[in-house]
């Protein structure tokens, strides 16, 4: 067994020392095991490329330093039908109270959305109805905490304009400026921070999309994110205002999301800060099935979310978008310490 482990190390990493251990039967078993452990440490820890680039993210009225400490973006769904907490914060007073609680727990940014993008048949929400849900909530949060950093989660240019006029600093567009032809120009004019997310098709199309091989996922996302970033730049959005999000679960089915997570570090080559949003996503269920007698509900995916986001952080994510803020803050602190180590 020891010789096999050493041979595997040698084949994977070309470590000459591991080869010599495997070929030296005279080594005492206890010493052999200790040498194997050291080789494994160098392979799995000492040589892992835990690197995250530093950036300065320009928002509407301020800048956020990215790369030194992971920023936590708290999710606030002011909707009746979001997959995780739909209806729980539809009432403005409940939404504002929850937002203030997330700030107390350490949220750096609050991402407020008024329209669910979960798959399913329902009437599309008008921008006017979306604004009716979110604008009063933004006003209430800023009245209580004027320095709060607000992001508006919308793909409607009209809502983006109204939210920024109300005090939002960031526009988080899950379509990467694809679902509203006026969004890129609006964000350029507004001078706000933007999050451009990758979505493979629209929610109604996801169930019928052809599957991707594991080695196809990252190249596809990387290429199309580069296209969305270029389109934003051409429209006049300044480079330093852009953060990219690979869009876990948005048109990536099942294990395709794990391929995306495994290759997350490659997205740093695009040259923009990265956001990861795997919180409570359904793709986490498949891995959890082996250790649960029944399918965990959305709120029971906390530990799985922490694991996914920790992997993303050490692979280069500067921002994580989460439902459970305090747990995310603590997990990010550990991941940041690993990056500094």
Protein backbone atom coordinates (compact mmCIF):
# COMPACT_ATOMS: atom_id res chain seq x y z
CA UNK A 1 0.00 0.00 0.00
CA UNK A 2 2.81 2.38 0.92
CA UNK A 3 4.61 1.70 -2.36
CA UNK A 4 1.36 2.28 -4.27
CA UNK A 5 0.72 5.62 -2.55
CA UNK A 6 4.25 6.78 -3.28
CA UNK A 7 3.96 5.69 -6.90
CA UNK A 8 0.71 7.66 -7.22
CA UNK A 9 2.41 10.73 -5.76
CA UNK A 10 5.26 10.33 -8.20
CA UNK A 11 2.93 9.90 -11.19
CA UNK A 12 0.81 12.91 -10.24
CA UNK A 13 3.50 15.37 -9.28
CA UNK A 14 6.81 13.93 -10.41
CA UNK A 15 8.27 14.00 -6.90
CA UNK A 16 11.62 12.25 -7.02
CA UNK A 17 11.65 11.74 -3.28
CA UNK A 18 8.38 9.78 -3.37
CA UNK A 19 9.84 7.50 -6.03
CA UNK A 20 12.88 6.82 -3.90
CA UNK A 21 10.68 5.99 -0.91
CA UNK A 22 8.73 3.44 -2.93
CA UNK A 23 11.93 1.82 -4.19
CA UNK A 24 13.57 1.44 -0.77
CA UNK A 25 12.12 -1.63 0.97
CA UNK A 26 14.74 -1.42 3.73
CA UNK A 27 13.10 1.68 5.20
CA UNK A 28 11.40 0.95 8.50
CA UNK A 29 7.57 1.02 8.04
CA UNK A 30 7.01 3.80 10.58
CA UNK A 31 9.64 5.99 8.94
CA UNK A 32 8.27 5.17 5.50
CA UNK A 33 4.80 6.31 6.61
CA UNK A 34 6.20 9.55 8.02
CA UNK A 35 8.00 10.29 4.75
CA UNK A 36 4.81 9.62 2.81
CA UNK A 37 2.92 12.04 5.04
CA UNK A 38 5.52 14.74 4.40
CA UNK A 39 5.34 14.17 0.65
CA UNK A 40 1.55 14.35 0.75
CA UNK A 41 1.73 17.56 2.76
CA UNK A 42 3.97 19.19 0.18
CA UNK A 43 1.72 17.96 -2.61
CA UNK A 44 -1.63 18.92 -1.11
CA UNK A 45 -0.76 21.96 1.00
CA UNK A 46 2.73 23.21 0.46
CA UNK A 47 2.36 23.47 -3.31
CA UNK A 48 -1.33 24.31 -3.74
CA UNK A 49 -1.77 27.53 -5.76
CA UNK A 50 -3.83 29.49 -3.22
CA UNK A 51 -3.56 32.88 -4.86
CA UNK A 52 -6.12 35.68 -5.01
CA UNK A 53 -5.44 38.91 -6.84
CA UNK A 54 -6.11 42.30 -5.26
CA UNK A 55 -8.45 44.84 -6.83
CA UNK A 56 -10.17 48.11 -6.01
CA UNK A 57 -13.89 47.99 -6.83
CA UNK A 58 -15.24 51.43 -7.70
CA UNK A 59 -18.88 51.92 -6.76
CA UNK A 60 -21.14 54.92 -7.18
CA UNK A 61 -19.80 56.98 -4.25
CA UNK A 62 -16.99 54.86 -2.75
CA UNK A 63 -14.45 52.12 -3.35
CA UNK A 64 -14.13 48.67 -1.82
CA UNK A 65 -10.76 46.93 -1.43
CA UNK A 66 -10.95 43.37 -2.74
CA UNK A 67 -8.48 40.56 -2.25
CA UNK A 68 -7.21 41.19 1.26
CA UNK A 69 -10.41 40.09 3.02
CA UNK A 70 -13.37 38.28 1.51
CA UNK A 71 -16.44 40.50 1.39
CA UNK A 72 -19.77 38.96 2.34
CA UNK A 73 -22.85 39.96 0.36
CA UNK A 74 -26.07 39.20 2.22
CA UNK A 75 -29.08 38.09 0.17
CA UNK A 76 -32.40 39.85 0.71
CA UNK A 77 -35.22 38.46 -1.43
CA UNK A 78 -38.25 40.74 -1.34
CA UNK A 79 -40.26 38.18 -3.27
CA UNK A 80 -43.10 35.71 -2.74
CA UNK A 81 -41.45 32.89 -4.71
CA UNK A 82 -37.65 32.74 -4.35
CA UNK A 83 -36.33 29.18 -4.04
CA UNK A 84 -34.90 29.59 -0.55
CA UNK A 85 -36.91 32.12 1.42
CA UNK A 86 -39.70 33.31 -0.88
CA UNK A 87 -42.35 35.26 1.00
CA UNK A 88 -40.44 35.46 4.26
CA UNK A 89 -39.35 39.07 3.69
CA UNK A 90 -42.00 40.33 1.30
CA UNK A 91 -43.35 42.77 3.90
CA UNK A 92 -41.11 45.88 3.90
CA UNK A 93 -40.76 46.04 7.68
CA UNK A 94 -39.61 42.40 7.81
CA UNK A 95 -37.20 42.95 4.93
CA UNK A 96 -35.66 46.01 6.59
CA UNK A 97 -35.33 44.23 9.93
CA UNK A 98 -33.61 41.27 8.29
CA UNK A 99 -31.26 43.56 6.38
CA UNK A 100 -30.21 45.33 9.58
CA UNK A 101 -29.66 41.95 11.24
CA UNK A 102 -27.37 40.88 8.39
CA UNK A 103 -25.38 44.09 8.79
CA UNK A 104 -24.99 43.35 12.51
CA UNK A 105 -23.75 39.86 11.63
CA UNK A 106 -21.01 41.31 9.43
CA UNK A 107 -22.44 41.70 5.92
CA UNK A 108 -20.37 44.10 3.83
CA UNK A 109 -22.99 44.43 1.09
CA UNK A 110 -26.75 43.85 0.97
CA UNK A 111 -28.08 42.46 -2.31
CA UNK A 112 -31.77 43.26 -2.65
CA UNK A 113 -33.92 41.56 -5.27
CA UNK A 114 -37.60 41.86 -6.10
CA UNK A 115 -37.95 39.17 -8.78
CA UNK A 116 -37.23 35.46 -8.51
CA UNK A 117 -35.26 33.74 -11.29
CA UNK A 118 -36.09 30.19 -10.20
CA UNK A 119 -37.34 27.97 -13.04
CA UNK A 120 -41.10 27.56 -13.36
CA UNK A 121 -44.10 29.01 -15.10
CA UNK A 122 -45.29 32.37 -13.82
CA UNK A 123 -46.17 35.74 -15.22
CA UNK A 124 -43.13 37.98 -15.76
CA UNK A 125 -42.80 40.79 -13.25
CA UNK A 126 -42.95 44.32 -14.61
CA UNK A 127 -40.20 46.76 -13.66
CA UNK A 128 -42.84 48.89 -11.93
CA UNK A 129 -43.95 45.99 -9.72
CA UNK A 130 -40.32 45.11 -8.99
CA UNK A 131 -39.60 48.68 -7.93
CA UNK A 132 -42.66 48.73 -5.70
CA UNK A 133 -41.15 45.83 -3.77
CA UNK A 134 -37.57 47.06 -3.41
CA UNK A 135 -37.36 50.87 -3.37
CA UNK A 136 -39.05 51.37 -0.01
CA UNK A 137 -36.82 48.69 1.49
CA UNK A 138 -33.70 50.43 0.22
CA UNK A 139 -34.96 53.72 1.67
CA UNK A 140 -35.67 52.09 5.04
CA UNK A 141 -32.26 50.43 5.29
CA UNK A 142 -30.40 53.63 4.43
CA UNK A 143 -32.50 55.64 6.86
CA UNK A 144 -31.35 53.31 9.65
CA UNK A 145 -27.79 52.70 8.34
CA UNK A 146 -26.76 55.49 5.94
CA UNK A 147 -23.35 53.92 5.23
CA UNK A 148 -24.77 50.54 4.19
CA UNK A 149 -23.62 49.35 0.77
CA UNK A 150 -26.69 48.35 -1.24
CA UNK A 151 -26.72 46.23 -4.36
CA UNK A 152 -29.84 45.89 -6.50
CA UNK A 153 -30.36 42.43 -7.97
CA UNK A 154 -32.17 43.15 -11.24
CA UNK A 155 -31.93 42.67 -14.99
CA UNK A 156 -34.25 45.61 -15.72
CA UNK A 157 -32.56 48.91 -16.65
CA UNK A 158 -35.51 50.91 -15.31
CA UNK A 159 -35.22 49.27 -11.91
CA UNK A 160 -31.46 49.75 -11.89
CA UNK A 161 -31.89 53.47 -12.49
CA UNK A 162 -34.56 53.82 -9.82
CA UNK A 163 -32.60 51.83 -7.24
CA UNK A 164 -29.39 53.78 -7.79
CA UNK A 165 -31.35 57.03 -7.51
CA UNK A 166 -32.64 55.73 -4.17
CA UNK A 167 -29.12 55.00 -2.93
CA UNK A 168 -27.92 51.67 -4.34
CA UNK A 169 -24.20 51.49 -5.12
CA UNK A 170 -24.14 48.30 -7.22
CA UNK A 171 -26.24 46.72 -9.96
CA UNK A 172 -26.11 42.91 -9.88
CA UNK A 173 -27.41 41.63 -13.22
CA UNK A 174 -27.85 37.85 -13.41
CA UNK A 175 -28.00 38.05 -17.20
CA UNK A 176 -24.73 39.92 -17.65
CA UNK A 177 -26.57 42.73 -19.50
CA UNK A 178 -28.23 40.30 -21.95
CA UNK A 179 -31.90 40.42 -20.95
CA UNK A 180 -32.42 44.18 -21.21
CA UNK A 181 -30.79 45.98 -24.12
CA UNK A 182 -30.67 49.21 -22.13
CA UNK A 183 -28.86 47.88 -19.06
CA UNK A 184 -25.25 48.35 -20.20
CA UNK A 185 -25.81 51.99 -21.17
CA UNK A 186 -27.74 52.62 -17.95
CA UNK A 187 -24.92 51.31 -15.76
CA UNK A 188 -22.33 53.25 -17.71
CA UNK A 189 -24.34 56.41 -17.20
CA UNK A 190 -25.02 55.72 -13.52
CA UNK A 191 -21.35 55.18 -12.69
CA UNK A 192 -22.19 52.39 -10.25
CA UNK A 193 -20.44 49.13 -9.47
CA UNK A 194 -21.70 46.18 -11.49
CA UNK A 195 -21.77 42.41 -11.11
CA UNK A 196 -21.97 40.60 -14.43
CA UNK A 197 -23.18 37.05 -13.96
CA UNK A 198 -23.00 34.22 -16.46
CA UNK A 199 -26.31 32.56 -17.22
CA UNK A 200 -26.57 29.76 -19.74
CA UNK A 201 -29.91 30.61 -21.30
CA UNK A 202 -33.01 31.75 -19.45
CA UNK A 203 -34.65 29.89 -16.53
CA UNK A 204 -37.41 28.42 -18.72
CA UNK A 205 -34.73 26.88 -20.97
CA UNK A 206 -32.52 25.27 -18.34
CA UNK A 207 -34.32 21.92 -18.18
CA UNK A 208 -33.88 21.40 -21.93
CA UNK A 209 -30.25 22.47 -22.27
CA UNK A 210 -27.86 19.82 -23.60
CA UNK A 211 -25.47 18.58 -20.90
CA UNK A 212 -21.88 19.77 -20.78
CA UNK A 213 -18.89 17.50 -20.31
CA UNK A 214 -16.80 18.36 -17.27
CA UNK A 215 -14.00 19.75 -19.41
CA UNK A 216 -16.41 22.00 -21.32
CA UNK A 217 -17.84 23.96 -18.39
CA UNK A 218 -15.03 26.32 -17.43
CA UNK A 219 -13.99 27.17 -21.03
CA UNK A 220 -17.61 28.01 -21.88
CA UNK A 221 -18.16 30.19 -18.81
CA UNK A 222 -14.77 31.84 -19.19
CA UNK A 223 -15.33 32.68 -22.86
CA UNK A 224 -18.84 34.03 -22.37
CA UNK A 225 -17.91 36.04 -19.27
CA UNK A 226 -15.10 37.61 -21.28
CA UNK A 227 -17.67 38.53 -23.95
CA UNK A 228 -20.00 40.09 -21.37
CA UNK A 229 -17.16 42.08 -19.80
CA UNK A 230 -16.05 43.33 -23.21
CA UNK A 231 -19.60 44.39 -24.05
CA UNK A 232 -19.78 46.33 -20.79
CA UNK A 233 -16.48 48.06 -21.49
CA UNK A 234 -17.59 48.99 -25.01
CA UNK A 235 -20.80 50.46 -23.55
CA UNK A 236 -18.73 52.71 -21.30
CA UNK A 237 -18.64 50.84 -17.98
CA UNK A 238 -15.19 51.39 -16.48
CA UNK A 239 -13.11 48.25 -15.91
CA UNK A 240 -12.63 49.02 -12.22
CA UNK A 241 -16.41 48.95 -11.69
CA UNK A 242 -16.84 45.34 -12.88
CA UNK A 243 -17.00 42.13 -10.86
CA UNK A 244 -17.69 38.79 -12.57
CA UNK A 245 -19.85 35.94 -11.27
CA UNK A 246 -19.75 32.51 -13.01
CA UNK A 247 -23.38 31.88 -12.06
CA UNK A 248 -23.57 28.62 -10.13
CA UNK A 249 -26.86 26.91 -10.93
CA UNK A 250 -27.80 29.33 -13.72
CA UNK A 251 -27.98 26.92 -16.62
CA UNK A 252 -25.35 24.62 -15.13
CA UNK A 253 -26.97 21.32 -14.27
CA UNK A 254 -25.96 19.09 -11.37
CA UNK A 255 -22.30 18.12 -11.44
CA UNK A 256 -21.51 20.78 -14.03
CA UNK A 257 -21.39 23.13 -11.04
CA UNK A 258 -18.66 21.05 -9.40
CA UNK A 259 -16.61 21.22 -12.57
CA UNK A 260 -17.06 24.99 -12.45
CA UNK A 261 -16.04 25.12 -8.80
CA UNK A 262 -13.00 22.91 -9.42
CA UNK A 263 -11.83 25.23 -12.19
CA UNK A 264 -12.80 28.48 -10.47
CA UNK A 265 -9.20 29.68 -10.21
CA UNK A 266 -8.92 29.77 -14.02
CA UNK A 267 -11.45 32.60 -14.09
CA UNK A 268 -8.90 34.89 -12.46
CA UNK A 269 -7.16 34.95 -15.84
CA UNK A 270 -9.95 37.24 -17.05
CA UNK A 271 -8.44 40.01 -14.92
CA UNK A 272 -11.56 40.99 -12.97
CA UNK A 273 -12.57 40.40 -9.33
CA UNK A 274 -14.75 37.32 -8.85
CA UNK A 275 -17.94 36.69 -6.89
CA UNK A 276 -19.21 33.24 -5.91
CA UNK A 277 -22.88 32.61 -5.18
CA UNK A 278 -23.45 28.95 -4.30
CA UNK A 279 -25.57 29.60 -1.23
CA UNK A 280 -28.26 26.91 -0.73
CA UNK A 281 -28.13 25.98 -4.43
CA UNK A 282 -29.76 22.71 -5.47
CA UNK A 283 -26.59 21.24 -6.98
CA UNK A 284 -25.31 20.76 -3.42
CA UNK A 285 -27.97 18.10 -2.86
CA UNK A 286 -26.36 15.38 -4.95
CA UNK A 287 -23.23 15.28 -2.84
CA UNK A 288 -25.30 15.48 0.34
CA UNK A 289 -27.49 12.54 -0.66
CA UNK A 290 -24.88 10.04 0.53
CA UNK A 291 -24.93 11.36 4.08
CA UNK A 292 -28.64 12.19 4.53
CA UNK A 293 -31.61 9.87 4.77
CA UNK A 294 -33.85 12.54 3.27
CA UNK A 295 -33.28 15.47 0.97
CA UNK A 296 -32.17 18.57 2.92
CA UNK A 297 -34.37 21.63 2.47
CA UNK A 298 -32.86 24.88 1.25
CA UNK A 299 -32.16 26.14 4.76
CA UNK A 300 -30.46 22.85 5.72
CA UNK A 301 -27.67 23.34 3.20
CA UNK A 302 -25.58 25.65 5.39
CA UNK A 303 -22.56 23.37 5.85
CA UNK A 304 -22.55 22.46 2.17
CA UNK A 305 -22.68 26.16 1.28
CA UNK A 306 -19.73 26.89 3.58
CA UNK A 307 -17.69 24.11 1.95
CA UNK A 308 -18.44 25.36 -1.56
CA UNK A 309 -17.67 28.97 -0.72
CA UNK A 310 -14.45 28.10 1.10
CA UNK A 311 -13.29 26.27 -2.03
CA UNK A 312 -14.21 29.32 -4.13
CA UNK A 313 -12.40 31.74 -1.82
CA UNK A 314 -9.11 29.84 -1.85
CA UNK A 315 -9.50 29.65 -5.64
CA UNK A 316 -9.81 33.43 -5.98
CA UNK A 317 -13.31 34.63 -5.06
CA UNK A 318 -13.22 38.10 -3.49
CA UNK A 319 -16.95 38.23 -2.68
CA UNK A 320 -19.40 35.53 -1.59
CA UNK A 321 -23.16 35.99 -1.86
CA UNK A 322 -24.92 34.24 1.01
CA UNK A 323 -28.15 33.78 2.94
CA UNK A 324 -26.47 32.91 6.26
CA UNK A 325 -24.20 35.85 6.96
CA UNK A 326 -22.58 35.05 10.31
CA UNK A 327 -21.52 31.57 9.27
CA UNK A 328 -20.13 32.95 6.02
CA UNK A 329 -18.14 35.65 7.80
CA UNK A 330 -16.48 33.08 10.06
CA UNK A 331 -15.77 30.64 7.23
CA UNK A 332 -14.33 33.43 5.09
CA UNK A 333 -12.01 34.46 7.94
CA UNK A 334 -10.51 30.96 7.97
CA UNK A 335 -10.22 30.84 4.17
CA UNK A 336 -8.55 34.26 4.21
CA UNK A 337 -6.04 33.02 6.79
CA UNK A 338 -5.20 30.12 4.48
CA UNK A 339 -4.61 32.55 1.63
CA UNK A 340 -2.30 34.64 3.81
CA UNK A 341 -0.47 31.55 5.08
